[in-house]
N, C-alpha and C. Protein backbone atom coordinates (compact mmCIF):
# COMPACT_ATOMS: atom_id res chain seq x y z
N MET A 1 97.10 121.86 91.18
CA MET A 1 96.19 120.80 91.26
C MET A 1 96.49 120.53 89.79
N PHE A 2 96.47 121.19 88.70
CA PHE A 2 96.54 120.57 87.35
C PHE A 2 97.85 119.91 86.68
N GLU A 3 99.21 120.40 86.81
CA GLU A 3 100.40 120.02 86.51
C GLU A 3 100.21 118.38 87.04
N GLY A 4 100.91 118.07 85.58
CA GLY A 4 100.97 116.44 85.38
C GLY A 4 100.08 115.68 84.64
N LYS A 5 98.70 116.25 84.64
CA LYS A 5 97.46 115.88 84.50
C LYS A 5 97.60 116.05 82.95
N THR A 6 96.86 114.78 82.41
CA THR A 6 96.78 114.96 80.60
C THR A 6 95.72 115.58 80.91
N LEU A 7 95.21 116.65 79.53
CA LEU A 7 94.32 117.31 78.77
C LEU A 7 93.45 116.66 77.40
N VAL A 8 92.80 116.58 77.36
CA VAL A 8 92.47 115.80 76.07
C VAL A 8 91.18 117.13 75.62
N GLY A 9 91.56 117.19 74.44
CA GLY A 9 90.15 117.80 73.07
C GLY A 9 88.58 117.18 73.24
N GLN A 10 88.15 118.05 73.59
CA GLN A 10 86.76 117.06 73.20
C GLN A 10 86.45 117.14 71.41
N THR A 11 86.65 118.07 70.81
CA THR A 11 86.61 117.94 69.27
C THR A 11 87.72 117.52 68.88
N SER A 12 88.93 117.90 69.20
CA SER A 12 90.19 117.61 68.18
C SER A 12 90.09 116.46 68.55
N GLY A 13 90.75 115.96 70.07
CA GLY A 13 91.24 114.72 70.25
C GLY A 13 92.49 114.81 70.86
N VAL A 14 93.63 115.78 70.10
CA VAL A 14 93.96 115.98 70.66
C VAL A 14 94.71 116.48 72.04
N LYS A 15 96.26 115.64 73.01
CA LYS A 15 96.02 115.29 74.25
C LYS A 15 97.28 116.28 74.54
N ALA A 16 97.78 116.64 75.93
CA ALA A 16 98.54 117.24 76.21
C ALA A 16 98.62 117.46 77.38
N VAL A 17 100.22 117.21 78.24
CA VAL A 17 100.08 117.01 79.61
C VAL A 17 100.69 118.90 79.90
N VAL A 18 99.71 119.14 81.33
CA VAL A 18 100.37 119.95 81.57
C VAL A 18 101.75 120.29 82.49
N LYS A 19 102.77 121.61 82.20
CA LYS A 19 103.63 121.11 82.75
C LYS A 19 103.41 122.40 84.03
N LYS A 20 102.59 123.41 83.77
CA LYS A 20 102.61 124.29 84.45
C LYS A 20 101.43 125.44 84.52
N THR A 21 100.89 125.91 85.52
CA THR A 21 99.50 126.90 85.63
C THR A 21 99.80 127.93 85.94
N VAL A 22 99.43 128.71 85.79
CA VAL A 22 99.65 130.07 86.18
C VAL A 22 98.11 131.00 86.66
N SER A 23 98.09 131.02 87.28
CA SER A 23 96.45 131.44 88.52
C SER A 23 95.84 133.02 87.70
N VAL A 24 94.72 132.76 87.98
CA VAL A 24 94.26 134.34 87.21
C VAL A 24 95.03 135.45 87.70
N GLU A 25 95.30 136.42 87.08
CA GLU A 25 95.86 137.23 87.28
C GLU A 25 95.51 138.65 86.53
N GLY A 26 94.57 139.52 86.96
CA GLY A 26 93.50 140.31 87.46
C GLY A 26 92.63 139.95 85.67
N THR A 27 92.74 140.14 84.43
CA THR A 27 92.13 140.03 83.89
C THR A 27 92.06 138.78 82.41
N ASP A 28 93.39 138.39 83.17
CA ASP A 28 94.06 136.66 82.02
C ASP A 28 93.41 135.32 82.98
N PRO A 29 92.91 135.27 82.74
CA PRO A 29 92.73 133.38 82.97
C PRO A 29 93.52 132.91 83.41
N VAL A 30 92.82 131.85 83.66
CA VAL A 30 94.17 131.14 83.80
C VAL A 30 94.82 130.44 82.82
N THR A 31 96.27 130.30 83.33
CA THR A 31 97.03 129.49 81.46
C THR A 31 97.37 128.53 82.04
N PHE A 32 97.43 127.66 81.48
CA PHE A 32 98.32 126.13 81.38
C PHE A 32 99.67 126.12 80.13
N PHE A 33 100.56 125.90 80.84
CA PHE A 33 102.01 125.48 79.79
C PHE A 33 101.65 124.22 79.84
N LEU A 34 101.58 123.77 78.57
CA LEU A 34 101.48 122.32 77.87
C LEU A 34 102.41 121.88 77.04
N SER A 35 102.74 120.50 76.65
CA SER A 35 103.73 119.50 76.23
C SER A 35 102.16 119.01 75.56
N TYR A 36 102.15 118.88 73.93
CA TYR A 36 101.45 118.33 73.52
C TYR A 36 102.23 116.88 73.67
N VAL A 37 101.17 115.75 73.44
CA VAL A 37 101.76 114.05 73.57
C VAL A 37 101.15 113.64 72.53
N SER A 38 100.10 113.73 72.01
CA SER A 38 100.24 113.10 70.38
C SER A 38 98.45 114.06 69.56
N GLY A 39 98.70 114.00 68.68
CA GLY A 39 97.37 114.33 67.59
C GLY A 39 97.03 114.34 67.78
N GLY A 40 95.57 114.98 67.35
CA GLY A 40 94.37 114.80 67.33
C GLY A 40 93.87 113.61 66.48
N THR A 41 92.78 112.64 67.26
CA THR A 41 91.62 111.64 66.15
C THR A 41 90.22 111.49 66.40
N ASN A 42 89.82 111.05 65.83
CA ASN A 42 88.40 111.10 65.35
C ASN A 42 88.34 109.57 65.51
N ALA A 43 87.69 108.44 65.80
CA ALA A 43 87.26 107.29 65.70
C ALA A 43 88.58 106.61 65.07
N GLY A 44 89.56 107.14 66.26
CA GLY A 44 90.93 106.17 66.05
C GLY A 44 91.62 106.61 64.21
N VAL A 45 90.96 106.85 63.92
CA VAL A 45 91.80 108.09 62.23
C VAL A 45 92.59 109.46 62.86
N PRO A 46 93.58 109.84 62.23
CA PRO A 46 94.48 110.91 62.43
C PRO A 46 93.81 111.69 61.95
N ASN A 47 93.38 113.54 62.67
CA ASN A 47 92.78 114.12 61.88
C ASN A 47 93.32 115.19 61.44
N GLY A 48 94.65 115.20 61.27
CA GLY A 48 95.93 115.79 61.40
C GLY A 48 96.00 117.52 61.87
N LYS A 49 95.14 117.18 63.54
CA LYS A 49 95.02 118.34 64.51
C LYS A 49 96.05 118.27 65.14
N LEU A 50 97.30 119.83 65.46
CA LEU A 50 98.57 118.83 66.72
C LEU A 50 98.04 119.79 67.85
N VAL A 51 97.69 120.96 68.20
CA VAL A 51 96.80 121.89 69.14
C VAL A 51 95.41 121.89 69.06
N PHE A 52 95.22 122.19 70.23
CA PHE A 52 93.43 122.51 70.81
C PHE A 52 93.25 123.19 70.53
N ASP A 53 91.73 123.51 69.39
CA ASP A 53 91.24 124.65 68.85
C ASP A 53 90.60 125.79 69.41
N ASN A 54 90.46 126.90 69.36
CA ASN A 54 90.07 127.92 70.15
C ASN A 54 88.41 127.48 70.32
N GLY A 55 88.41 127.53 71.33
CA GLY A 55 86.70 127.47 71.84
C GLY A 55 86.26 125.84 72.36
N GLU A 56 87.51 125.56 72.10
CA GLU A 56 86.99 123.40 72.31
C GLU A 56 87.12 123.48 73.71
N ILE A 57 86.60 122.46 74.16
CA ILE A 57 86.21 122.30 75.53
C ILE A 57 87.41 120.96 75.87
N ILE A 58 88.00 121.63 76.52
CA ILE A 58 88.93 120.37 77.06
C ILE A 58 88.84 119.63 78.76
N ARG A 59 89.30 118.15 78.66
CA ARG A 59 89.01 117.96 80.16
C ARG A 59 89.70 117.37 80.24
N VAL A 60 90.21 116.79 81.30
CA VAL A 60 91.42 116.04 82.12
C VAL A 60 90.97 114.76 82.00
N GLU A 61 91.90 113.90 80.99
CA GLU A 61 91.77 112.63 80.68
C GLU A 61 90.99 111.31 81.97
N THR A 62 91.20 111.91 83.42
CA THR A 62 91.02 110.73 84.13
C THR A 62 89.88 111.32 85.33
N GLN A 63 89.37 112.91 84.79
CA GLN A 63 88.47 113.10 85.50
C GLN A 63 87.06 113.98 84.50
N THR A 64 86.81 113.36 83.53
CA THR A 64 86.27 114.36 82.79
C THR A 64 85.47 115.16 83.16
N SER A 65 84.83 114.67 84.62
CA SER A 65 84.03 116.12 85.26
C SER A 65 84.51 117.54 85.27
N ILE A 66 85.90 117.60 84.92
CA ILE A 66 86.58 118.85 85.56
C ILE A 66 86.78 119.49 83.52
N ALA A 67 86.21 120.15 83.14
CA ALA A 67 86.41 120.40 82.04
C ALA A 67 86.74 122.20 82.07
N ALA A 68 87.48 123.00 80.70
CA ALA A 68 87.45 124.28 80.66
C ALA A 68 87.18 124.57 78.85
N THR A 69 87.14 125.81 78.76
CA THR A 69 86.91 126.18 77.74
C THR A 69 88.50 127.00 76.74
N VAL A 70 89.02 126.83 75.98
CA VAL A 70 90.33 126.84 75.23
C VAL A 70 90.25 128.09 74.87
N ILE A 71 90.58 129.29 75.11
CA ILE A 71 90.33 130.72 74.97
C ILE A 71 91.49 131.01 73.37
N GLY A 72 92.20 130.85 73.67
CA GLY A 72 93.31 130.89 72.84
C GLY A 72 94.91 129.82 73.00
N THR A 73 95.45 129.79 72.20
CA THR A 73 96.95 128.65 71.53
C THR A 73 97.96 129.92 71.36
N SER A 74 99.28 129.45 71.92
CA SER A 74 100.07 130.10 71.60
C SER A 74 101.59 129.18 71.95
N THR A 75 103.29 129.80 71.45
CA THR A 75 104.01 128.93 71.63
C THR A 75 104.78 129.43 73.11
N GLY A 76 105.44 129.05 73.13
CA GLY A 76 106.40 129.22 74.45
C GLY A 76 107.62 128.65 74.88
N SER A 77 107.95 128.91 75.71
CA SER A 77 109.44 128.08 76.08
C SER A 77 109.47 128.17 77.55
N MET A 78 109.94 126.70 77.85
CA MET A 78 109.96 127.00 79.19
C MET A 78 111.85 126.12 79.49
N ALA A 79 112.20 126.57 80.43
CA ALA A 79 113.53 126.19 81.08
C ALA A 79 113.59 125.30 82.05
N TYR A 80 114.41 124.81 82.56
CA TYR A 80 114.40 123.75 83.75
C TYR A 80 115.46 123.28 84.51
N VAL A 81 115.64 123.30 85.56
CA VAL A 81 117.21 123.40 86.38
C VAL A 81 116.76 122.26 87.12
N ASN A 82 117.45 120.76 87.27
CA ASN A 82 117.49 119.84 87.98
C ASN A 82 118.21 119.54 89.24
N ALA A 83 117.27 118.92 90.49
CA ALA A 83 117.14 119.18 91.80
C ALA A 83 119.18 118.66 91.86
N GLY A 84 119.84 119.14 92.39
CA GLY A 84 121.51 118.44 92.42
C GLY A 84 121.94 119.70 93.14
N VAL A 85 123.32 119.34 92.70
CA VAL A 85 124.74 120.76 93.79
C VAL A 85 125.38 120.72 92.67
N TYR A 86 125.25 122.17 92.32
CA TYR A 86 125.88 122.78 91.29
C TYR A 86 127.69 123.77 91.54
N TYR A 87 128.31 123.67 90.70
CA TYR A 87 129.58 124.30 91.41
C TYR A 87 128.91 125.94 90.53
N VAL A 88 129.05 126.88 91.82
CA VAL A 88 128.88 128.02 90.96
C VAL A 88 129.95 129.54 91.14
N ASN A 89 130.33 130.22 90.47
CA ASN A 89 131.31 130.95 91.50
C ASN A 89 132.29 130.62 92.00
N GLY A 90 132.86 129.57 92.16
CA GLY A 90 133.80 128.57 93.39
C GLY A 90 133.07 128.08 94.66
N THR A 91 131.63 128.02 94.51
CA THR A 91 131.05 127.76 95.80
C THR A 91 130.07 126.66 95.24
N PHE A 92 130.07 125.92 95.94
CA PHE A 92 128.92 124.48 95.49
C PHE A 92 127.41 125.16 96.02
N ALA A 93 126.61 124.97 95.15
CA ALA A 93 124.98 125.68 95.91
C ALA A 93 123.78 123.82 95.47
N SER A 94 123.42 124.18 96.11
CA SER A 94 122.51 123.03 96.04
C SER A 94 120.71 123.69 95.82
N THR A 95 120.49 122.93 95.07
CA THR A 95 118.58 123.48 94.53
C THR A 95 117.99 122.54 94.28
N SER A 96 116.58 122.70 94.64
CA SER A 96 115.41 121.98 94.09
C SER A 96 115.67 122.30 92.94
N MET A 97 114.75 121.14 92.12
CA MET A 97 114.03 121.01 90.16
C MET A 97 113.47 122.61 90.29
N GLN A 98 113.67 123.21 89.77
CA GLN A 98 112.98 124.52 89.58
C GLN A 98 112.75 124.78 87.63
N SER A 99 111.22 125.39 87.96
CA SER A 99 111.16 125.94 85.90
C SER A 99 110.70 127.05 86.46
N VAL A 100 110.84 127.67 85.27
CA VAL A 100 110.67 129.09 84.25
C VAL A 100 110.07 129.47 83.29
N VAL A 101 108.93 129.89 82.99
CA VAL A 101 108.58 129.93 81.66
C VAL A 101 109.06 131.82 81.14
N LEU A 102 109.83 131.44 80.08
CA LEU A 102 110.40 132.50 79.12
C LEU A 102 109.53 133.19 78.50
């Protein structure tokens, strides 16, 4: 539902595109894996923010009625394999685009 959407920080002005979401697991909340696309601005002036602030409200850029509160941020990695045909161990293998959080 959120993958591909741009999120905007209400106070920081930071923008990020959602690359992957992980549903609620036990006591862990929904997790967004993001690619930050622009630093924050206030009234068009850069404010030096590069990531969302803890406790900040974030909204979907095109649907401002959808919002969430940032609990925490961290750095991670994601690997991709593009759709195509690969030659692996003497065999041709066809695959769709895939991603995995490392």
